[in-house]
Amino acid sequence: MTQPVRVRRLTEPEGQKLQRIVRRGTTSTVRYRRAMILLASAGGNTVPVIARLVQA
């Protein structure tokens, strides 16, 4: 069985920058969705949950 893919542990500044991108929502759609995916993965969510979250 394969292991799930996860992002590495985010540093504090990285997490804060991603949260700012998501909160503002004024950036490009691609950048917003990528930030959501990274935050969700770092939070321990599975791929199906993340896919539903970003509607992918």
N, C-alpha and C. Protein backbone atom coordinates (compact mmCIF):
# COMPACT_ATOMS: atom_id res chain seq x y z
N MET A 1 0.84 -1.18 0.00
CA MET A 1 0.00 0.00 0.00
C MET A 1 0.89 1.24 0.00
N THR A 2 0.51 2.24 -0.77
CA THR A 2 1.33 3.46 -0.85
C THR A 2 1.04 4.39 0.31
N GLN A 3 2.02 5.20 0.62
CA GLN A 3 1.87 6.19 1.70
C GLN A 3 1.22 7.45 1.14
N PRO A 4 0.40 8.13 1.93
CA PRO A 4 -0.22 9.37 1.45
C PRO A 4 0.83 10.46 1.27
N VAL A 5 0.60 11.32 0.31
CA VAL A 5 1.50 12.44 0.05
C VAL A 5 1.11 13.58 0.96
N ARG A 6 2.11 14.17 1.62
CA ARG A 6 1.85 15.30 2.52
C ARG A 6 2.91 16.36 2.28
N VAL A 7 2.55 17.59 2.56
CA VAL A 7 3.55 18.65 2.48
C VAL A 7 4.40 18.60 3.74
N ARG A 8 5.57 19.19 3.64
CA ARG A 8 6.44 19.24 4.82
C ARG A 8 5.82 20.20 5.84
N ARG A 9 6.31 20.15 7.03
CA ARG A 9 5.82 21.04 8.07
C ARG A 9 6.14 22.49 7.68
N LEU A 10 5.13 23.35 7.75
CA LEU A 10 5.31 24.74 7.36
C LEU A 10 5.96 25.53 8.49
N THR A 11 6.82 26.48 8.11
CA THR A 11 7.38 27.37 9.11
C THR A 11 6.31 28.40 9.47
N GLU A 12 6.51 29.09 10.56
CA GLU A 12 5.54 30.10 10.99
C GLU A 12 5.33 31.18 9.93
N PRO A 13 6.40 31.75 9.36
CA PRO A 13 6.18 32.77 8.32
C PRO A 13 5.47 32.23 7.07
N GLU A 14 5.77 30.98 6.70
CA GLU A 14 5.09 30.38 5.54
C GLU A 14 3.59 30.23 5.81
N GLY A 15 3.26 29.72 6.99
CA GLY A 15 1.85 29.55 7.35
C GLY A 15 1.12 30.87 7.39
N GLN A 16 1.76 31.90 7.92
CA GLN A 16 1.13 33.21 8.00
C GLN A 16 0.90 33.79 6.61
N LYS A 17 1.87 33.61 5.71
CA LYS A 17 1.71 34.12 4.35
C LYS A 17 0.56 33.42 3.63
N LEU A 18 0.47 32.10 3.79
CA LEU A 18 -0.62 31.35 3.16
C LEU A 18 -1.97 31.77 3.74
N GLN A 19 -2.04 32.00 5.03
CA GLN A 19 -3.29 32.43 5.65
C GLN A 19 -3.69 33.81 5.14
N ARG A 20 -2.73 34.70 4.95
CA ARG A 20 -3.04 36.04 4.41
C ARG A 20 -3.62 35.93 3.01
N ILE A 21 -3.04 35.06 2.19
CA ILE A 21 -3.54 34.86 0.82
C ILE A 21 -4.98 34.39 0.85
N VAL A 22 -5.27 33.42 1.72
CA VAL A 22 -6.62 32.86 1.79
C VAL A 22 -7.60 33.87 2.37
N ARG A 23 -7.21 34.59 3.40
CA ARG A 23 -8.12 35.55 4.03
C ARG A 23 -8.48 36.69 3.10
N ARG A 24 -7.49 37.22 2.40
CA ARG A 24 -7.74 38.36 1.52
C ARG A 24 -8.60 37.96 0.33
N GLY A 25 -8.24 36.88 -0.32
CA GLY A 25 -9.01 36.42 -1.47
C GLY A 25 -8.94 37.35 -2.66
N THR A 26 -8.06 38.35 -2.63
CA THR A 26 -7.99 39.31 -3.73
C THR A 26 -6.93 38.92 -4.76
N THR A 27 -6.21 37.86 -4.51
CA THR A 27 -5.17 37.41 -5.43
C THR A 27 -5.79 36.54 -6.52
N SER A 28 -4.97 36.01 -7.39
CA SER A 28 -5.48 35.18 -8.48
C SER A 28 -6.13 33.91 -7.92
N THR A 29 -7.02 33.35 -8.69
CA THR A 29 -7.73 32.14 -8.27
C THR A 29 -6.76 30.98 -8.08
N VAL A 30 -5.78 30.87 -8.96
CA VAL A 30 -4.80 29.79 -8.87
C VAL A 30 -4.01 29.90 -7.57
N ARG A 31 -3.55 31.09 -7.26
CA ARG A 31 -2.76 31.30 -6.04
C ARG A 31 -3.60 31.01 -4.80
N TYR A 32 -4.86 31.44 -4.81
CA TYR A 32 -5.78 31.19 -3.70
C TYR A 32 -5.97 29.69 -3.49
N ARG A 33 -6.24 28.97 -4.58
CA ARG A 33 -6.48 27.52 -4.46
C ARG A 33 -5.23 26.78 -4.00
N ARG A 34 -4.06 27.18 -4.49
CA ARG A 34 -2.82 26.54 -4.06
C ARG A 34 -2.59 26.75 -2.57
N ALA A 35 -2.85 27.96 -2.10
CA ALA A 35 -2.68 28.25 -0.67
C ALA A 35 -3.64 27.39 0.14
N MET A 36 -4.88 27.25 -0.32
CA MET A 36 -5.86 26.42 0.38
C MET A 36 -5.39 24.96 0.44
N ILE A 37 -4.88 24.46 -0.67
CA ILE A 37 -4.41 23.07 -0.73
C ILE A 37 -3.26 22.85 0.24
N LEU A 38 -2.29 23.76 0.24
CA LEU A 38 -1.15 23.62 1.14
C LEU A 38 -1.56 23.68 2.60
N LEU A 39 -2.42 24.61 2.94
CA LEU A 39 -2.87 24.72 4.33
C LEU A 39 -3.66 23.48 4.76
N ALA A 40 -4.51 22.99 3.87
CA ALA A 40 -5.30 21.81 4.20
C ALA A 40 -4.41 20.58 4.36
N SER A 41 -3.43 20.43 3.48
CA SER A 41 -2.52 19.29 3.58
C SER A 41 -1.66 19.37 4.84
N ALA A 42 -1.16 20.56 5.14
CA ALA A 42 -0.36 20.74 6.35
C ALA A 42 -1.19 20.47 7.60
N GLY A 43 -2.50 20.70 7.49
CA GLY A 43 -3.40 20.44 8.61
C GLY A 43 -3.76 18.98 8.78
N GLY A 44 -3.26 18.12 7.87
CA GLY A 44 -3.48 16.68 8.02
C GLY A 44 -4.69 16.14 7.27
N ASN A 45 -5.31 16.94 6.42
CA ASN A 45 -6.46 16.47 5.66
C ASN A 45 -6.05 15.50 4.57
N THR A 46 -6.94 14.59 4.21
CA THR A 46 -6.68 13.61 3.16
C THR A 46 -6.97 14.24 1.80
N VAL A 47 -6.50 13.57 0.75
CA VAL A 47 -6.68 14.07 -0.61
C VAL A 47 -8.16 14.25 -0.96
N PRO A 48 -9.05 13.29 -0.68
CA PRO A 48 -10.46 13.49 -1.01
C PRO A 48 -11.07 14.71 -0.29
N VAL A 49 -10.69 14.93 0.94
CA VAL A 49 -11.20 16.09 1.69
C VAL A 49 -10.71 17.38 1.06
N ILE A 50 -9.44 17.42 0.71
CA ILE A 50 -8.87 18.62 0.09
C ILE A 50 -9.54 18.87 -1.26
N ALA A 51 -9.75 17.83 -2.03
CA ALA A 51 -10.40 17.98 -3.34
C ALA A 51 -11.80 18.58 -3.21
N ARG A 52 -12.54 18.13 -2.21
CA ARG A 52 -13.87 18.71 -1.99
C ARG A 52 -13.76 20.16 -1.53
N LEU A 53 -12.78 20.45 -0.71
CA LEU A 53 -12.59 21.79 -0.19
C LEU A 53 -12.35 22.80 -1.32
N VAL A 54 -11.50 22.42 -2.26
CA VAL A 54 -11.17 23.35 -3.35
C VAL A 54 -12.01 23.07 -4.60
N GLN A 55 -12.96 22.18 -4.48
CA GLN A 55 -13.87 21.82 -5.56
C GLN A 55 -13.12 21.39 -6.81
N ALA A 56 -12.17 20.47 -6.60
CA ALA A 56 -11.38 19.95 -7.74
C ALA A 56 -11.70 18.48 -7.97
